[in-house]
């Protein structure tokens, strides 16, 4: 996602939005990409993620969650998923 290599769009890492830091954001398309690891698997962590996503949606952002495993083992699929989200705005 560096250097506008994904659909020519700029993504920024570790952007602050309200009380949260998001992993990646395309401000132009108002799309947030969160990369989730093992720390997003318990009911409490999923509930915290749901509250966070709700806040971000209320700020008019779309949130796309992908897993660390997919990033490491299926990066092409992750990029295709992001592109599909960008097309379905």
PDB file of N, CA and C in Angstrom:
ATOM      1  N   UNK A   1       0.824  -1.191   0.000  1.00  0.00           N
ATOM      2  CA  UNK A   1       0.000   0.000   0.000  1.00  0.00           C
ATOM      3  C   UNK A   1       0.870   1.257   0.000  1.00  0.00           C
ATOM      4  N   UNK A   2       2.162   1.075   0.037  1.00  0.00           N
ATOM      5  CA  UNK A   2       3.064   2.234   0.019  1.00  0.00           C
ATOM      6  C   UNK A   2       3.111   2.868  -1.360  1.00  0.00           C
ATOM      7  N   UNK A   3       3.452   4.116  -1.365  1.00  0.00           N
ATOM      8  CA  UNK A   3       3.729   4.873  -2.591  1.00  0.00           C
ATOM      9  C   UNK A   3       2.592   4.787  -3.610  1.00  0.00           C
ATOM     10  N   UNK A   4       1.376   4.796  -3.102  1.00  0.00           N
ATOM     11  CA  UNK A   4       0.186   4.801  -3.979  1.00  0.00           C
ATOM     12  C   UNK A   4       0.161   3.634  -4.967  1.00  0.00           C
ATOM     13  N   UNK A   5       0.702   2.483  -4.551  1.00  0.00           N
ATOM     14  CA  UNK A   5       0.741   1.330  -5.439  1.00  0.00           C
ATOM     15  C   UNK A   5      -0.569   0.559  -5.482  1.00  0.00           C
ATOM     16  N   UNK A   6      -1.471   0.852  -4.612  1.00  0.00           N
ATOM     17  CA  UNK A   6      -2.768   0.174  -4.600  1.00  0.00           C
ATOM     18  C   UNK A   6      -3.816   1.137  -5.145  1.00  0.00           C
ATOM     19  N   UNK A   7      -4.161   0.955  -6.399  1.00  0.00           N
ATOM     20  CA  UNK A   7      -5.168   1.763  -7.091  1.00  0.00           C
ATOM     21  C   UNK A   7      -4.808   3.252  -7.127  1.00  0.00           C
ATOM     22  N   UNK A   8      -3.542   3.566  -6.934  1.00  0.00           N
ATOM     23  CA  UNK A   8      -3.113   4.955  -6.970  1.00  0.00           C
ATOM     24  C   UNK A   8      -3.553   5.778  -5.775  1.00  0.00           C
ATOM     25  N   UNK A   9      -4.026   5.100  -4.735  1.00  0.00           N
ATOM     26  CA  UNK A   9      -4.548   5.798  -3.552  1.00  0.00           C
ATOM     27  C   UNK A   9      -3.507   5.833  -2.442  1.00  0.00           C
ATOM     28  N   UNK A  10      -3.553   6.893  -1.664  1.00  0.00           N
ATOM     29  CA  UNK A  10      -2.615   7.049  -0.555  1.00  0.00           C
ATOM     30  C   UNK A  10      -3.190   6.431   0.715  1.00  0.00           C
ATOM     31  N   UNK A  11      -2.427   5.529   1.298  1.00  0.00           N
ATOM     32  CA  UNK A  11      -2.748   4.951   2.597  1.00  0.00           C
ATOM     33  C   UNK A  11      -1.702   5.428   3.594  1.00  0.00           C
ATOM     34  N   UNK A  12      -2.140   5.732   4.803  1.00  0.00           N
ATOM     35  CA  UNK A  12      -1.262   6.193   5.873  1.00  0.00           C
ATOM     36  C   UNK A  12      -1.321   5.161   6.993  1.00  0.00           C
ATOM     37  N   UNK A  13      -0.188   4.930   7.631  1.00  0.00           N
ATOM     38  CA  UNK A  13      -0.125   4.001   8.765  1.00  0.00           C
ATOM     39  C   UNK A  13      -0.297   4.744  10.085  1.00  0.00           C
ATOM     40  N   UNK A  14      -0.905   4.047  11.045  1.00  0.00           N
ATOM     41  CA  UNK A  14      -1.006   4.526  12.423  1.00  0.00           C
ATOM     42  C   UNK A  14      -1.556   5.941  12.541  1.00  0.00           C
ATOM     43  N   UNK A  15      -2.723   6.129  11.955  1.00  0.00           N
ATOM     44  CA  UNK A  15      -3.410   7.422  12.011  1.00  0.00           C
ATOM     45  C   UNK A  15      -4.277   7.488  13.270  1.00  0.00           C
ATOM     46  N   UNK A  16      -4.288   8.627  13.920  1.00  0.00           N
ATOM     47  CA  UNK A  16      -5.109   8.845  15.103  1.00  0.00           C
ATOM     48  C   UNK A  16      -6.481   9.346  14.679  1.00  0.00           C
ATOM     49  N   UNK A  17      -7.531   8.654  15.137  1.00  0.00           N
ATOM     50  CA  UNK A  17      -8.911   9.096  14.911  1.00  0.00           C
ATOM     51  C   UNK A  17      -9.614   9.019  16.260  1.00  0.00           C
ATOM     52  N   UNK A  18      -9.941  10.160  16.807  1.00  0.00           N
ATOM     53  CA  UNK A  18     -10.545  10.189  18.135  1.00  0.00           C
ATOM     54  C   UNK A  18      -9.611   9.520  19.131  1.00  0.00           C
ATOM     55  N   UNK A  19     -10.139   8.614  19.952  1.00  0.00           N
ATOM     56  CA  UNK A  19      -9.303   7.959  20.957  1.00  0.00           C
ATOM     57  C   UNK A  19      -8.540   6.746  20.411  1.00  0.00           C
ATOM     58  N   UNK A  20      -8.602   6.491  19.114  1.00  0.00           N
ATOM     59  CA  UNK A  20      -8.032   5.275  18.534  1.00  0.00           C
ATOM     60  C   UNK A  20      -6.925   5.579  17.533  1.00  0.00           C
ATOM     61  N   UNK A  21      -6.023   4.639  17.380  1.00  0.00           N
ATOM     62  CA  UNK A  21      -5.061   4.629  16.295  1.00  0.00           C
ATOM     63  C   UNK A  21      -5.460   3.500  15.363  1.00  0.00           C
ATOM     64  N   UNK A  22      -5.597   3.801  14.083  1.00  0.00           N
ATOM     65  CA  UNK A  22      -5.954   2.768  13.113  1.00  0.00           C
ATOM     66  C   UNK A  22      -4.684   2.306  12.407  1.00  0.00           C
ATOM     67  N   UNK A  23      -4.692   1.054  11.924  1.00  0.00           N
ATOM     68  CA  UNK A  23      -3.501   0.499  11.286  1.00  0.00           C
ATOM     69  C   UNK A  23      -3.202   1.203   9.963  1.00  0.00           C
ATOM     70  N   UNK A  24      -4.190   1.259   9.076  1.00  0.00           N
ATOM     71  CA  UNK A  24      -4.028   1.911   7.773  1.00  0.00           C
ATOM     72  C   UNK A  24      -5.307   2.669   7.443  1.00  0.00           C
ATOM     73  N   UNK A  25      -5.161   3.806   6.789  1.00  0.00           N
ATOM     74  CA  UNK A  25      -6.335   4.571   6.395  1.00  0.00           C
ATOM     75  C   UNK A  25      -6.094   5.207   5.030  1.00  0.00           C
ATOM     76  N   UNK A  26      -7.119   5.131   4.201  1.00  0.00           N
ATOM     77  CA  UNK A  26      -7.153   5.892   2.956  1.00  0.00           C
ATOM     78  C   UNK A  26      -8.153   7.011   3.225  1.00  0.00           C
ATOM     79  N   UNK A  27      -7.649   8.194   3.502  1.00  0.00           N
ATOM     80  CA  UNK A  27      -8.526   9.316   3.854  1.00  0.00           C
ATOM     81  C   UNK A  27      -9.469   9.670   2.709  1.00  0.00           C
ATOM     82  N   UNK A  28      -8.950   9.620   1.487  1.00  0.00           N
ATOM     83  CA  UNK A  28      -9.750   9.995   0.318  1.00  0.00           C
ATOM     84  C   UNK A  28     -11.006   9.137   0.182  1.00  0.00           C
ATOM     85  N   UNK A  29     -10.889   7.850   0.458  1.00  0.00           N
ATOM     86  CA  UNK A  29     -12.024   6.931   0.324  1.00  0.00           C
ATOM     87  C   UNK A  29     -12.666   6.597   1.668  1.00  0.00           C
ATOM     88  N   UNK A  30     -12.121   7.167   2.745  1.00  0.00           N
ATOM     89  CA  UNK A  30     -12.642   6.957   4.104  1.00  0.00           C
ATOM     90  C   UNK A  30     -12.699   5.474   4.446  1.00  0.00           C
ATOM     91  N   UNK A  31     -11.635   4.756   4.057  1.00  0.00           N
ATOM     92  CA  UNK A  31     -11.522   3.320   4.326  1.00  0.00           C
ATOM     93  C   UNK A  31     -10.379   3.078   5.297  1.00  0.00           C
ATOM     94  N   UNK A  32     -10.697   2.340   6.347  1.00  0.00           N
ATOM     95  CA  UNK A  32      -9.709   1.930   7.343  1.00  0.00           C
ATOM     96  C   UNK A  32      -9.475   0.443   7.173  1.00  0.00           C
ATOM     97  N   UNK A  33      -8.204   0.042   7.187  1.00  0.00           N
ATOM     98  CA  UNK A  33      -7.850  -1.371   7.137  1.00  0.00           C
ATOM     99  C   UNK A  33      -7.161  -1.704   8.452  1.00  0.00           C
ATOM    100  N   UNK A  34      -7.763  -2.601   9.199  1.00  0.00           N
ATOM    101  CA  UNK A  34      -7.207  -3.057  10.462  1.00  0.00           C
ATOM    102  C   UNK A  34      -6.642  -4.461  10.264  1.00  0.00           C
ATOM    103  N   UNK A  35      -5.421  -4.669  10.702  1.00  0.00           N
ATOM    104  CA  UNK A  35      -4.770  -5.975  10.609  1.00  0.00           C
ATOM    105  C   UNK A  35      -4.798  -6.589  12.001  1.00  0.00           C
ATOM    106  N   UNK A  36      -5.570  -7.657  12.130  1.00  0.00           N
ATOM    107  CA  UNK A  36      -5.798  -8.280  13.436  1.00  0.00           C
ATOM    108  C   UNK A  36      -4.943  -9.521  13.621  1.00  0.00           C
ATOM    109  N   UNK A  37      -4.310  -9.589  14.776  1.00  0.00           N
ATOM    110  CA  UNK A  37      -3.545 -10.768  15.158  1.00  0.00           C
ATOM    111  C   UNK A  37      -4.297 -11.571  16.195  1.00  0.00           C
ATOM    112  N   UNK A  38      -3.568 -12.363  16.929  1.00  0.00           N
ATOM    113  CA  UNK A  38      -4.163 -13.250  17.930  1.00  0.00           C
ATOM    114  C   UNK A  38      -4.837 -12.483  19.061  1.00  0.00           C
ATOM    115  N   UNK A  39      -4.491 -11.220  19.249  1.00  0.00           N
ATOM    116  CA  UNK A  39      -5.070 -10.448  20.355  1.00  0.00           C
ATOM    117  C   UNK A  39      -6.492  -9.984  20.061  1.00  0.00           C
ATOM    118  N   UNK A  40      -7.096 -10.497  19.018  1.00  0.00           N
ATOM    119  CA  UNK A  40      -8.468 -10.113  18.665  1.00  0.00           C
ATOM    120  C   UNK A  40      -9.384 -11.327  18.660  1.00  0.00           C
ATOM    121  N   UNK A  41      -9.113 -12.280  19.557  1.00  0.00           N
ATOM    122  CA  UNK A  41      -9.834 -13.550  19.486  1.00  0.00           C
ATOM    123  C   UNK A  41     -10.754 -13.837  20.666  1.00  0.00           C
ATOM    124  N   UNK A  42     -10.566 -13.190  21.783  1.00  0.00           N
ATOM    125  CA  UNK A  42     -11.424 -13.477  22.933  1.00  0.00           C
ATOM    126  C   UNK A  42     -12.720 -12.675  22.826  1.00  0.00           C
ATOM    127  N   UNK A  43     -13.763 -13.090  23.527  1.00  0.00           N
ATOM    128  CA  UNK A  43     -15.017 -12.325  23.497  1.00  0.00           C
ATOM    129  C   UNK A  43     -14.828 -10.870  23.928  1.00  0.00           C
ATOM    130  N   UNK A  44     -13.990 -10.616  24.920  1.00  0.00           N
ATOM    131  CA  UNK A  44     -13.747  -9.250  25.380  1.00  0.00           C
ATOM    132  C   UNK A  44     -13.064  -8.425  24.289  1.00  0.00           C
ATOM    133  N   UNK A  45     -12.083  -9.014  23.628  1.00  0.00           N
ATOM    134  CA  UNK A  45     -11.365  -8.298  22.570  1.00  0.00           C
ATOM    135  C   UNK A  45     -12.272  -8.039  21.372  1.00  0.00           C
ATOM    136  N   UNK A  46     -13.097  -9.003  21.034  1.00  0.00           N
ATOM    137  CA  UNK A  46     -14.041  -8.798  19.923  1.00  0.00           C
ATOM    138  C   UNK A  46     -15.051  -7.720  20.274  1.00  0.00           C
ATOM    139  N   UNK A  47     -15.483  -7.671  21.533  1.00  0.00           N
ATOM    140  CA  UNK A  47     -16.416  -6.620  21.965  1.00  0.00           C
ATOM    141  C   UNK A  47     -15.742  -5.257  21.889  1.00  0.00           C
ATOM    142  N   UNK A  48     -14.477  -5.164  22.286  1.00  0.00           N
ATOM    143  CA  UNK A  48     -13.735  -3.907  22.199  1.00  0.00           C
ATOM    144  C   UNK A  48     -13.596  -3.477  20.727  1.00  0.00           C
ATOM    145  N   UNK A  49     -13.297  -4.441  19.846  1.00  0.00           N
ATOM    146  CA  UNK A  49     -13.210  -4.136  18.412  1.00  0.00           C
ATOM    147  C   UNK A  49     -14.545  -3.643  17.872  1.00  0.00           C
ATOM    148  N   UNK A  50     -15.638  -4.239  18.326  1.00  0.00           N
ATOM    149  CA  UNK A  50     -16.975  -3.828  17.865  1.00  0.00           C
ATOM    150  C   UNK A  50     -17.271  -2.393  18.300  1.00  0.00           C
ATOM    151  N   UNK A  51     -16.913  -2.032  19.527  1.00  0.00           N
ATOM    152  CA  UNK A  51     -17.111  -0.646  19.996  1.00  0.00           C
ATOM    153  C   UNK A  51     -16.252   0.319  19.181  1.00  0.00           C
ATOM    154  N   UNK A  52     -15.047  -0.071  18.919  1.00  0.00           N
ATOM    155  CA  UNK A  52     -14.127   0.747  18.125  1.00  0.00           C
ATOM    156  C   UNK A  52     -14.671   0.945  16.712  1.00  0.00           C
ATOM    157  N   UNK A  53     -15.112  -0.161  16.083  1.00  0.00           N
ATOM    158  CA  UNK A  53     -15.673  -0.084  14.728  1.00  0.00           C
ATOM    159  C   UNK A  53     -16.921   0.790  14.701  1.00  0.00           C
ATOM    160  N   UNK A  54     -17.733   0.680  15.728  1.00  0.00           N
ATOM    161  CA  UNK A  54     -18.942   1.491  15.811  1.00  0.00           C
ATOM    162  C   UNK A  54     -18.586   2.978  15.874  1.00  0.00           C
ATOM    163  N   UNK A  55     -17.605   3.321  16.685  1.00  0.00           N
ATOM    164  CA  UNK A  55     -17.148   4.711  16.772  1.00  0.00           C
ATOM    165  C   UNK A  55     -16.662   5.192  15.407  1.00  0.00           C
ATOM    166  N   UNK A  56     -15.837   4.386  14.742  1.00  0.00           N
ATOM    167  CA  UNK A  56     -15.268   4.779  13.453  1.00  0.00           C
ATOM    168  C   UNK A  56     -16.345   4.919  12.383  1.00  0.00           C
ATOM    169  N   UNK A  57     -17.332   4.028  12.395  1.00  0.00           N
ATOM    170  CA  UNK A  57     -18.454   4.144  11.445  1.00  0.00           C
ATOM    171  C   UNK A  57     -19.253   5.412  11.724  1.00  0.00           C
ATOM    172  N   UNK A  58     -19.411   5.766  12.988  1.00  0.00           N
ATOM    173  CA  UNK A  58     -20.128   6.997  13.335  1.00  0.00           C
ATOM    174  C   UNK A  58     -19.371   8.229  12.826  1.00  0.00           C
ATOM    175  N   UNK A  59     -18.065   8.083  12.652  1.00  0.00           N
ATOM    176  CA  UNK A  59     -17.246   9.154  12.083  1.00  0.00           C
ATOM    177  C   UNK A  59     -17.208   9.076  10.554  1.00  0.00           C
ATOM    178  N   UNK A  60     -18.048   8.220   9.978  1.00  0.00           N
ATOM    179  CA  UNK A  60     -18.225   8.048   8.525  1.00  0.00           C
ATOM    180  C   UNK A  60     -17.067   7.321   7.836  1.00  0.00           C
ATOM    181  N   UNK A  61     -16.406   6.443   8.576  1.00  0.00           N
ATOM    182  CA  UNK A  61     -15.373   5.597   7.987  1.00  0.00           C
ATOM    183  C   UNK A  61     -15.921   4.193   7.793  1.00  0.00           C
ATOM    184  N   UNK A  62     -15.403   3.520   6.790  1.00  0.00           N
ATOM    185  CA  UNK A  62     -15.671   2.092   6.624  1.00  0.00           C
ATOM    186  C   UNK A  62     -14.468   1.354   7.193  1.00  0.00           C
ATOM    187  N   UNK A  63     -14.718   0.235   7.859  1.00  0.00           N
ATOM    188  CA  UNK A  63     -13.644  -0.522   8.495  1.00  0.00           C
ATOM    189  C   UNK A  63     -13.583  -1.905   7.861  1.00  0.00           C
ATOM    190  N   UNK A  64     -12.406  -2.258   7.393  1.00  0.00           N
ATOM    191  CA  UNK A  64     -12.152  -3.569   6.824  1.00  0.00           C
ATOM    192  C   UNK A  64     -11.119  -4.249   7.712  1.00  0.00           C
ATOM    193  N   UNK A  65     -11.450  -5.429   8.192  1.00  0.00           N
ATOM    194  CA  UNK A  65     -10.528  -6.166   9.048  1.00  0.00           C
ATOM    195  C   UNK A  65      -9.965  -7.358   8.287  1.00  0.00           C
ATOM    196  N   UNK A  66      -8.645  -7.509   8.356  1.00  0.00           N
ATOM    197  CA  UNK A  66      -7.959  -8.660   7.785  1.00  0.00           C
ATOM    198  C   UNK A  66      -7.072  -9.245   8.876  1.00  0.00           C
ATOM    199  N   UNK A  67      -6.657 -10.476   8.685  1.00  0.00           N
ATOM    200  CA  UNK A  67      -5.831 -11.120   9.706  1.00  0.00           C
ATOM    201  C   UNK A  67      -4.352 -11.026   9.352  1.00  0.00           C
ATOM    202  N   UNK A  68      -3.525 -11.070  10.386  1.00  0.00           N
ATOM    203  CA  UNK A  68      -2.081 -11.133  10.184  1.00  0.00           C
ATOM    204  C   UNK A  68      -1.733 -12.321   9.298  1.00  0.00           C
ATOM    205  N   UNK A  69      -2.377 -13.442   9.552  1.00  0.00           N
ATOM    206  CA  UNK A  69      -2.105 -14.653   8.786  1.00  0.00           C
ATOM    207  C   UNK A  69      -2.351 -14.420   7.298  1.00  0.00           C
ATOM    208  N   UNK A  70      -3.456 -13.755   6.965  1.00  0.00           N
ATOM    209  CA  UNK A  70      -3.730 -13.463   5.557  1.00  0.00           C
ATOM    210  C   UNK A  70      -2.680 -12.520   4.970  1.00  0.00           C
ATOM    211  N   UNK A  71      -2.256 -11.532   5.733  1.00  0.00           N
ATOM    212  CA  UNK A  71      -1.242 -10.597   5.237  1.00  0.00           C
ATOM    213  C   UNK A  71       0.057 -11.346   4.933  1.00  0.00           C
ATOM    214  N   UNK A  72       0.439 -12.271   5.805  1.00  0.00           N
ATOM    215  CA  UNK A  72       1.696 -12.999   5.617  1.00  0.00           C
ATOM    216  C   UNK A  72       1.604 -14.101   4.565  1.00  0.00           C
ATOM    217  N   UNK A  73       0.420 -14.720   4.429  1.00  0.00           N
ATOM    218  CA  UNK A  73       0.310 -15.890   3.548  1.00  0.00           C
ATOM    219  C   UNK A  73      -0.555 -15.688   2.319  1.00  0.00           C
ATOM    220  N   UNK A  74      -1.299 -14.592   2.252  1.00  0.00           N
ATOM    221  CA  UNK A  74      -2.186 -14.365   1.121  1.00  0.00           C
ATOM    222  C   UNK A  74      -2.301 -12.866   0.836  1.00  0.00           C
ATOM    223  N   UNK A  75      -1.162 -12.220   0.702  1.00  0.00           N
ATOM    224  CA  UNK A  75      -1.152 -10.771   0.510  1.00  0.00           C
ATOM    225  C   UNK A  75      -1.915 -10.368  -0.742  1.00  0.00           C
ATOM    226  N   UNK A  76      -1.806 -11.144  -1.793  1.00  0.00           N
ATOM    227  CA  UNK A  76      -2.540 -10.827  -3.021  1.00  0.00           C
ATOM    228  C   UNK A  76      -4.049 -10.837  -2.767  1.00  0.00           C
ATOM    229  N   UNK A  77      -4.521 -11.820  -2.006  1.00  0.00           N
ATOM    230  CA  UNK A  77      -5.942 -11.877  -1.664  1.00  0.00           C
ATOM    231  C   UNK A  77      -6.371 -10.692  -0.809  1.00  0.00           C
ATOM    232  N   UNK A  78      -5.507 -10.275   0.105  1.00  0.00           N
ATOM    233  CA  UNK A  78      -5.803  -9.107   0.947  1.00  0.00           C
ATOM    234  C   UNK A  78      -5.925  -7.862   0.071  1.00  0.00           C
ATOM    235  N   UNK A  79      -4.995  -7.697  -0.867  1.00  0.00           N
ATOM    236  CA  UNK A  79      -5.050  -6.534  -1.771  1.00  0.00           C
ATOM    237  C   UNK A  79      -6.319  -6.564  -2.608  1.00  0.00           C
ATOM    238  N   UNK A  80      -6.709  -7.746  -3.083  1.00  0.00           N
ATOM    239  CA  UNK A  80      -7.953  -7.870  -3.853  1.00  0.00           C
ATOM    240  C   UNK A  80      -9.164  -7.505  -3.000  1.00  0.00           C
ATOM    241  N   UNK A  81      -9.156  -7.905  -1.735  1.00  0.00           N
ATOM    242  CA  UNK A  81     -10.251  -7.573  -0.818  1.00  0.00           C
ATOM    243  C   UNK A  81     -10.328  -6.073  -0.597  1.00  0.00           C
ATOM    244  N   UNK A  82      -9.170  -5.424  -0.430  1.00  0.00           N
ATOM    245  CA  UNK A  82      -9.148  -3.974  -0.242  1.00  0.00           C
ATOM    246  C   UNK A  82      -9.652  -3.277  -1.499  1.00  0.00           C
ATOM    247  N   UNK A  83      -9.194  -3.724  -2.662  1.00  0.00           N
ATOM    248  CA  UNK A  83      -9.655  -3.129  -3.921  1.00  0.00           C
ATOM    249  C   UNK A  83     -11.161  -3.284  -4.093  1.00  0.00           C
ATOM    250  N   UNK A  84     -11.696  -4.447  -3.737  1.00  0.00           N
ATOM    251  CA  UNK A  84     -13.145  -4.666  -3.826  1.00  0.00           C
ATOM    252  C   UNK A  84     -13.887  -3.711  -2.891  1.00  0.00           C
ATOM    253  N   UNK A  85     -13.345  -3.503  -1.689  1.00  0.00           N
ATOM    254  CA  UNK A  85     -13.976  -2.566  -0.753  1.00  0.00           C
ATOM    255  C   UNK A  85     -13.945  -1.153  -1.309  1.00  0.00           C
ATOM    256  N   UNK A  86     -12.855  -0.791  -1.954  1.00  0.00           N
ATOM    257  CA  UNK A  86     -12.732   0.541  -2.529  1.00  0.00           C
ATOM    258  C   UNK A  86     -13.731   0.740  -3.672  1.00  0.00           C
ATOM    259  N   UNK A  87     -13.983  -0.314  -4.451  1.00  0.00           N
ATOM    260  CA  UNK A  87     -14.931  -0.229  -5.558  1.00  0.00           C
ATOM    261  C   UNK A  87     -16.377  -0.169  -5.074  1.00  0.00           C
ATOM    262  N   UNK A  88     -16.631  -0.736  -3.901  1.00  0.00           N
ATOM    263  CA  UNK A  88     -18.006  -0.806  -3.354  1.00  0.00           C
ATOM    264  C   UNK A  88     -18.263   0.261  -2.324  1.00  0.00           C
ATOM    265  N   UNK A  89     -17.774   1.455  -2.561  1.00  0.00           N
ATOM    266  CA  UNK A  89     -17.976   2.515  -1.570  1.00  0.00           C
ATOM    267  C   UNK A  89     -19.365   3.072  -1.589  1.00  0.00           C
TER     268      UNK A  89
END
